[in-house]
């Protein structure tokens, strides 16, 4: 148990619900289903430290391959699957807290796998019956770090207005952003990302929840000299995501800056953090973070297990890891947990919490 305590800001992460839309695919089978014949590209799939992923894909055709989808197919998939999966996790997390949609004062939806206008918040208000004067934001295009960015306005609002509740929904239908070609860069993306959706409720201390960390503060870091390292490129008919091979080294070289800046505000050191909830950006990224911060494989065990079971789930990935920490039931009162996400920009986001 950590002896230091902080008064904090009065807003807690009350509960999280997750789901994986689509079907479960074993990583060893996907290269063949995608029609990959180049052994070098096939090896990218098998050497990814990912065992399985959930993907919303059409059924294999008579050749045993997944047929390529049109841009319109992908748009419909993003919209329909996002609304269905998002509604499911929203309903689940609210029911567990004995809350109704009309109890929510602030709604933020985060996605980077498709563009809708009106955004997902409007669809959820219509589908689930949120109040018509709810405050809402759609965060589109921030990528894998966007979940923590989406948390910040919710926490700020709840800190300002006592007894308010906020809801963060991260919906990433990564299979709606897939492009099939013979390039190595596309193969890396197609071997890494999976479909996932999360909903998290924030608000005052709640008797229905056993472990509920208080949100203490945020810290952001953007290295604009690497702005092109993660990006969508338009290839003439679809958006194709690009990942630079140097991403792990860039993150490893800069991750200590936001982490130490955040901890310093609370007179803490890295060793004072009991739980690390890190975005599942890939094995090399996680190795670089471990080395840079001098933390152990045990410290990021939940992130590694999410990567193994689901791949990279983009903006909501860190909440899958957080959920596994809570399910493990080994958190003590006073423990500090640091949430970290990384993504396009090049951006690193951190959030300090205390149980």
Protein backbone atom coordinates (compact mmCIF):
# COMPACT_ATOMS: atom_id res chain seq x y z
CA UNK A 1 0.00 0.00 0.00
CA UNK A 2 1.35 3.41 -0.92
CA UNK A 3 1.62 5.73 2.07
CA UNK A 4 1.28 8.94 0.03
CA UNK A 5 -2.20 10.18 -0.76
CA UNK A 6 -3.48 13.12 -2.74
CA UNK A 7 -6.72 15.04 -2.40
CA UNK A 8 -7.14 14.83 -6.17
CA UNK A 9 -9.85 16.41 -8.24
CA UNK A 10 -12.85 14.37 -7.15
CA UNK A 11 -13.49 12.44 -10.37
CA UNK A 12 -13.17 8.66 -10.52
CA UNK A 13 -12.97 6.03 -13.24
CA UNK A 14 -15.98 4.04 -12.09
CA UNK A 15 -16.21 1.10 -14.48
CA UNK A 16 -15.32 -0.16 -17.95
CA UNK A 17 -17.06 -2.47 -20.40
CA UNK A 18 -15.42 -3.95 -23.50
CA UNK A 19 -16.40 -5.98 -26.53
CA UNK A 20 -14.78 -7.32 -29.67
CA UNK A 21 -17.11 -7.24 -32.67
CA UNK A 22 -16.66 -9.65 -35.54
CA UNK A 23 -15.23 -13.15 -35.47
CA UNK A 24 -12.14 -14.54 -33.77
CA UNK A 25 -9.30 -15.32 -36.16
CA UNK A 26 -6.08 -17.09 -35.32
CA UNK A 27 -3.11 -15.05 -36.40
CA UNK A 28 -1.46 -18.06 -38.04
CA UNK A 29 -4.42 -18.36 -40.46
CA UNK A 30 -4.88 -14.71 -41.46
CA UNK A 31 -2.03 -14.41 -43.96
CA UNK A 32 -3.53 -17.25 -45.98
CA UNK A 33 -7.05 -15.82 -45.71
CA UNK A 34 -5.75 -12.47 -46.97
CA UNK A 35 -4.15 -14.24 -49.93
CA UNK A 36 -0.56 -13.52 -48.90
CA UNK A 37 1.91 -15.58 -50.94
CA UNK A 38 5.15 -13.73 -50.22
CA UNK A 39 6.90 -15.61 -47.37
CA UNK A 40 8.52 -12.42 -46.10
CA UNK A 41 5.13 -10.80 -45.66
CA UNK A 42 3.63 -13.96 -44.19
CA UNK A 43 6.39 -13.99 -41.57
CA UNK A 44 5.28 -10.55 -40.41
CA UNK A 45 2.00 -12.14 -39.30
CA UNK A 46 3.58 -15.05 -37.49
CA UNK A 47 6.30 -13.01 -35.72
CA UNK A 48 3.99 -10.37 -34.28
CA UNK A 49 3.52 -11.80 -30.76
CA UNK A 50 -0.20 -11.88 -31.50
CA UNK A 51 -2.08 -15.16 -31.22
CA UNK A 52 -5.58 -14.08 -32.20
CA UNK A 53 -7.66 -11.07 -33.22
CA UNK A 54 -11.32 -10.23 -33.68
CA UNK A 55 -12.14 -8.82 -37.12
CA UNK A 56 -15.35 -7.93 -38.93
CA UNK A 57 -14.60 -9.53 -42.28
CA UNK A 58 -16.74 -10.96 -45.07
CA UNK A 59 -16.84 -14.73 -45.41
CA UNK A 60 -14.14 -16.42 -47.44
CA UNK A 61 -15.01 -17.00 -51.08
CA UNK A 62 -14.79 -20.30 -52.97
CA UNK A 63 -11.00 -19.92 -53.22
CA UNK A 64 -10.68 -19.75 -49.43
CA UNK A 65 -9.69 -16.06 -49.49
CA UNK A 66 -11.33 -13.02 -47.92
CA UNK A 67 -12.76 -10.94 -50.78
CA UNK A 68 -11.67 -7.31 -50.96
CA UNK A 69 -14.30 -4.77 -49.85
CA UNK A 70 -15.13 -1.53 -51.62
CA UNK A 71 -14.81 1.88 -49.99
CA UNK A 72 -18.58 1.93 -49.56
CA UNK A 73 -18.51 -1.54 -47.96
CA UNK A 74 -15.93 -0.31 -45.45
CA UNK A 75 -17.92 2.84 -44.67
CA UNK A 76 -21.06 0.84 -43.97
CA UNK A 77 -19.08 -1.59 -41.83
CA UNK A 78 -17.60 1.21 -39.75
CA UNK A 79 -20.98 2.87 -39.18
CA UNK A 80 -23.11 -0.20 -38.52
CA UNK A 81 -20.59 -2.14 -36.45
CA UNK A 82 -19.65 0.95 -34.43
CA UNK A 83 -23.26 1.70 -33.50
CA UNK A 84 -23.99 -1.92 -32.61
CA UNK A 85 -20.81 -2.52 -30.57
CA UNK A 86 -20.91 0.91 -28.95
CA UNK A 87 -24.52 0.50 -27.88
CA UNK A 88 -23.67 -2.87 -26.36
CA UNK A 89 -20.84 -1.65 -24.12
CA UNK A 90 -22.66 1.55 -23.16
CA UNK A 91 -25.69 -0.44 -22.03
CA UNK A 92 -23.54 -2.94 -20.14
CA UNK A 93 -21.47 -0.43 -18.18
CA UNK A 94 -24.44 1.76 -17.27
CA UNK A 95 -26.47 -1.22 -16.05
CA UNK A 96 -23.62 -2.36 -13.82
CA UNK A 97 -23.56 1.07 -12.18
CA UNK A 98 -27.35 1.30 -11.94
CA UNK A 99 -27.28 4.37 -14.17
CA UNK A 100 -29.54 5.35 -17.06
CA UNK A 101 -28.48 7.13 -20.26
CA UNK A 102 -30.27 10.23 -18.95
CA UNK A 103 -27.87 10.28 -15.97
CA UNK A 104 -24.93 11.00 -18.27
CA UNK A 105 -24.00 14.67 -18.62
CA UNK A 106 -21.02 14.44 -20.99
CA UNK A 107 -20.46 12.00 -23.86
CA UNK A 108 -17.22 11.63 -25.82
CA UNK A 109 -16.77 9.17 -28.69
CA UNK A 110 -13.32 8.39 -30.10
CA UNK A 111 -12.61 6.68 -33.41
CA UNK A 112 -10.07 6.72 -36.22
CA UNK A 113 -11.35 3.89 -38.40
CA UNK A 114 -14.03 5.81 -40.29
CA UNK A 115 -15.65 9.20 -40.72
CA UNK A 116 -19.30 9.96 -40.03
CA UNK A 117 -21.23 13.22 -40.07
CA UNK A 118 -23.17 13.43 -37.81
CA UNK A 119 -20.73 11.67 -35.53
CA UNK A 120 -21.20 8.61 -33.36
CA UNK A 121 -22.37 10.66 -30.37
CA UNK A 122 -25.51 11.67 -32.27
CA UNK A 123 -26.26 8.07 -33.21
CA UNK A 124 -25.88 6.91 -29.60
CA UNK A 125 -28.10 9.73 -28.32
CA UNK A 126 -30.79 8.60 -30.76
CA UNK A 127 -30.35 4.85 -30.24
CA UNK A 128 -30.07 4.80 -26.44
CA UNK A 129 -32.09 7.78 -25.27
CA UNK A 130 -29.50 10.14 -23.82
CA UNK A 131 -30.95 13.54 -22.90
CA UNK A 132 -31.16 16.03 -25.72
CA UNK A 133 -29.04 18.66 -23.95
CA UNK A 134 -26.12 16.33 -23.23
CA UNK A 135 -22.66 17.78 -23.77
CA UNK A 136 -20.86 15.76 -26.44
CA UNK A 137 -17.66 15.62 -28.48
CA UNK A 138 -16.62 13.37 -31.37
CA UNK A 139 -12.86 12.82 -31.45
CA UNK A 140 -11.97 11.62 -34.94
CA UNK A 141 -8.52 10.93 -36.37
CA UNK A 142 -6.28 11.16 -33.31
CA UNK A 143 -5.42 7.48 -33.52
CA UNK A 144 -4.20 5.19 -30.78
CA UNK A 145 -3.61 7.92 -28.18
CA UNK A 146 -7.10 9.44 -28.61
CA UNK A 147 -8.72 7.63 -25.68
CA UNK A 148 -6.78 9.60 -23.09
CA UNK A 149 -7.39 12.82 -25.02
CA UNK A 150 -11.10 12.04 -24.89
CA UNK A 151 -10.94 11.49 -21.13
CA UNK A 152 -9.65 14.98 -20.40
CA UNK A 153 -12.77 17.08 -21.21
CA UNK A 154 -14.93 14.57 -19.33
CA UNK A 155 -12.76 14.78 -16.21
CA UNK A 156 -12.56 18.57 -16.45
CA UNK A 157 -16.35 18.82 -16.68
CA UNK A 158 -16.95 16.44 -13.78
CA UNK A 159 -14.42 18.33 -11.66
CA UNK A 160 -16.26 21.58 -12.33
CA UNK A 161 -19.78 20.27 -11.79
CA UNK A 162 -20.15 18.04 -8.73
CA UNK A 163 -22.13 14.82 -9.03
CA UNK A 164 -21.92 14.82 -12.82
CA UNK A 165 -21.27 11.71 -14.88
CA UNK A 166 -19.29 11.41 -18.09
CA UNK A 167 -19.06 8.56 -20.59
CA UNK A 168 -16.10 7.80 -22.85
CA UNK A 169 -16.69 5.44 -25.79
CA UNK A 170 -13.78 4.26 -27.95
CA UNK A 171 -14.96 2.48 -31.10
CA UNK A 172 -12.30 1.16 -33.43
CA UNK A 173 -13.40 -1.11 -36.29
CA UNK A 174 -9.88 -1.48 -37.59
CA UNK A 175 -10.97 -3.99 -40.24
CA UNK A 176 -12.93 -1.10 -41.81
CA UNK A 177 -9.59 0.56 -42.57
CA UNK A 178 -7.89 -2.42 -44.19
CA UNK A 179 -6.24 -2.20 -47.58
CA UNK A 180 -4.85 -5.24 -49.38
CA UNK A 181 -1.73 -4.89 -51.50
CA UNK A 182 1.73 -6.44 -51.66
CA UNK A 183 3.66 -3.78 -49.72
CA UNK A 184 5.48 -4.45 -46.47
CA UNK A 185 3.99 -1.37 -44.79
CA UNK A 186 0.43 -2.51 -45.48
CA UNK A 187 1.25 -6.01 -44.27
CA UNK A 188 2.51 -4.62 -40.96
CA UNK A 189 -0.79 -2.79 -40.41
CA UNK A 190 -2.92 -5.78 -41.46
CA UNK A 191 -0.97 -8.06 -39.12
CA UNK A 192 -1.37 -5.83 -36.07
CA UNK A 193 -4.79 -4.23 -35.63
CA UNK A 194 -8.00 -5.80 -34.34
CA UNK A 195 -11.58 -4.63 -33.77
CA UNK A 196 -12.50 -3.47 -30.28
CA UNK A 197 -14.86 -1.18 -28.43
CA UNK A 198 -14.87 0.17 -24.87
CA UNK A 199 -17.08 2.34 -22.69
CA UNK A 200 -15.90 3.95 -19.46
CA UNK A 201 -17.92 5.94 -16.92
CA UNK A 202 -16.43 8.79 -14.88
CA UNK A 203 -17.96 10.61 -11.96
CA UNK A 204 -18.14 10.93 -8.17
CA UNK A 205 -17.28 8.08 -5.83
CA UNK A 206 -19.84 5.32 -6.38
CA UNK A 207 -20.85 2.64 -3.88
CA UNK A 208 -21.53 0.05 -6.61
CA UNK A 209 -17.83 -0.19 -7.50
CA UNK A 210 -15.12 -1.88 -5.44
CA UNK A 211 -11.97 -0.52 -7.12
CA UNK A 212 -12.33 2.98 -8.54
CA UNK A 213 -9.20 5.06 -9.12
CA UNK A 214 -9.32 8.81 -8.75
CA UNK A 215 -8.05 10.79 -11.74
CA UNK A 216 -5.17 12.98 -10.51
CA UNK A 217 -3.81 14.56 -13.68
CA UNK A 218 -2.77 14.35 -17.32
CA UNK A 219 0.39 15.08 -19.27
CA UNK A 220 0.80 15.32 -23.05
CA UNK A 221 3.88 15.18 -25.26
CA UNK A 222 3.97 15.65 -29.03
CA UNK A 223 7.12 15.28 -31.15
CA UNK A 224 6.09 17.09 -34.32
CA UNK A 225 9.41 16.32 -36.01
CA UNK A 226 7.99 12.79 -36.37
CA UNK A 227 4.53 13.91 -37.51
CA UNK A 228 4.58 11.63 -40.58
CA UNK A 229 5.61 8.45 -38.71
CA UNK A 230 1.98 7.30 -38.30
CA UNK A 231 -0.57 8.51 -40.79
CA UNK A 232 -3.34 7.74 -43.24
CA UNK A 233 -2.42 8.06 -46.91
CA UNK A 234 -5.12 8.21 -49.57
CA UNK A 235 -4.19 5.69 -52.25
CA UNK A 236 -6.77 6.81 -54.83
CA UNK A 237 -9.80 4.95 -53.49
CA UNK A 238 -9.14 4.19 -49.79
CA UNK A 239 -7.24 5.47 -46.81
CA UNK A 240 -4.18 3.31 -46.14
CA UNK A 241 -2.53 3.50 -42.73
CA UNK A 242 1.25 3.82 -42.56
CA UNK A 243 3.57 2.93 -39.67
CA UNK A 244 7.23 3.95 -39.77
CA UNK A 245 9.71 1.27 -38.73
CA UNK A 246 11.45 3.72 -36.36
CA UNK A 247 8.37 4.29 -34.18
CA UNK A 248 9.60 2.09 -31.27
CA UNK A 249 12.87 4.02 -31.08
CA UNK A 250 11.15 7.42 -31.19
CA UNK A 251 8.75 6.44 -28.41
CA UNK A 252 11.51 4.86 -26.35
CA UNK A 253 13.64 7.97 -26.68
CA UNK A 254 10.90 10.37 -25.51
CA UNK A 255 8.48 8.49 -23.25
CA UNK A 256 10.30 9.44 -20.07
CA UNK A 257 9.55 13.14 -20.65
CA UNK A 258 5.76 13.13 -20.10
CA UNK A 259 5.95 10.34 -17.51
CA UNK A 260 8.49 12.13 -15.31
CA UNK A 261 6.86 15.53 -15.80
CA UNK A 262 3.52 14.14 -14.61
CA UNK A 263 5.00 12.31 -11.64
CA UNK A 264 7.04 15.36 -10.61
CA UNK A 265 3.83 17.39 -10.14
CA UNK A 266 2.82 14.94 -7.42
CA UNK A 267 6.30 14.51 -5.90
CA UNK A 268 6.51 10.93 -7.19
CA UNK A 269 9.12 8.76 -8.90
CA UNK A 270 8.71 5.95 -11.42
CA UNK A 271 9.24 3.46 -8.61
CA UNK A 272 6.13 4.81 -6.84
CA UNK A 273 3.84 3.59 -9.66
CA UNK A 274 2.37 0.19 -8.80
CA UNK A 275 0.43 -0.42 -12.02
CA UNK A 276 1.25 0.45 -15.63
CA UNK A 277 -1.64 0.49 -18.10
CA UNK A 278 -0.05 0.94 -21.52
CA UNK A 279 -1.47 0.97 -25.03
CA UNK A 280 -0.76 -2.32 -26.84
CA UNK A 281 1.19 -0.72 -29.68
CA UNK A 282 3.24 -3.81 -30.56
CA UNK A 283 6.07 -5.85 -29.04
CA UNK A 284 8.91 -3.55 -30.12
CA UNK A 285 7.10 -0.47 -28.80
CA UNK A 286 6.49 -2.16 -25.45
CA UNK A 287 10.11 -3.31 -25.25
CA UNK A 288 11.28 0.25 -25.85
CA UNK A 289 9.04 1.58 -23.08
CA UNK A 290 10.25 -1.05 -20.62
CA UNK A 291 13.85 -0.16 -21.35
CA UNK A 292 13.32 3.62 -21.22
CA UNK A 293 11.43 3.59 -17.91
CA UNK A 294 13.24 0.62 -16.36
CA UNK A 295 10.01 -1.25 -15.71
CA UNK A 296 9.56 -5.00 -15.90
CA UNK A 297 7.64 -7.41 -18.09
CA UNK A 298 5.42 -8.04 -15.07
CA UNK A 299 4.56 -4.33 -14.93
CA UNK A 300 2.99 -4.46 -18.41
CA UNK A 301 1.63 -8.00 -18.25
CA UNK A 302 -1.96 -6.90 -18.91
CA UNK A 303 -0.94 -4.96 -22.00
CA UNK A 304 1.06 -7.92 -23.31
CA UNK A 305 -1.90 -10.25 -22.77
CA UNK A 306 -4.27 -7.88 -24.61
CA UNK A 307 -1.82 -7.69 -27.52
CA UNK A 308 -1.60 -11.48 -27.58
CA UNK A 309 -5.37 -12.03 -27.47
CA UNK A 310 -6.64 -9.09 -29.54
CA UNK A 311 -3.80 -7.29 -31.30
CA UNK A 312 -3.63 -3.50 -31.32
CA UNK A 313 -7.13 -2.13 -30.61
CA UNK A 314 -6.19 1.52 -31.22
CA UNK A 315 -7.73 4.18 -28.95
CA UNK A 316 -9.54 1.85 -26.54
CA UNK A 317 -6.72 -0.63 -26.09
CA UNK A 318 -5.53 0.77 -22.75
CA UNK A 319 -9.00 0.29 -21.24
CA UNK A 320 -8.89 -3.41 -22.15
CA UNK A 321 -5.64 -3.61 -20.16
CA UNK A 322 -7.16 -1.62 -17.30
CA UNK A 323 -10.10 -4.03 -17.20
CA UNK A 324 -7.71 -6.97 -16.80
CA UNK A 325 -5.99 -5.22 -13.91
CA UNK A 326 -9.33 -4.81 -12.13
CA UNK A 327 -10.31 -8.42 -12.85
CA UNK A 328 -7.01 -9.57 -11.37
CA UNK A 329 -8.15 -8.04 -8.05
CA UNK A 330 -4.66 -7.26 -6.74
CA UNK A 331 -4.97 -3.51 -6.33
CA UNK A 332 -4.48 -2.00 -2.86
CA UNK A 333 -5.91 1.30 -1.59
CA UNK A 334 -3.38 4.06 -2.22
CA UNK A 335 -1.78 2.35 -5.22
CA UNK A 336 -0.85 4.60 -8.12
CA UNK A 337 -1.63 3.53 -11.68
CA UNK A 338 -0.27 5.31 -14.73
CA UNK A 339 -2.21 5.09 -17.98
CA UNK A 340 -0.25 5.68 -21.18
CA UNK A 341 -1.17 5.83 -24.86
CA UNK A 342 0.89 6.58 -27.97
CA UNK A 343 -0.11 7.49 -31.50
CA UNK A 344 0.07 9.77 -34.52
CA UNK A 345 1.55 13.16 -34.04
CA UNK A 346 3.94 11.64 -32.74
CA UNK A 347 2.06 11.82 -29.44
CA UNK A 348 2.39 10.29 -26.00
CA UNK A 349 -0.41 10.79 -23.47
CA UNK A 350 -0.27 9.98 -19.75
CA UNK A 351 -2.78 9.95 -16.92
CA UNK A 352 -2.00 9.43 -13.24
CA UNK A 353 -4.63 7.78 -11.06
CA UNK A 354 -4.77 6.58 -7.46
CA UNK A 355 -6.91 3.81 -6.00
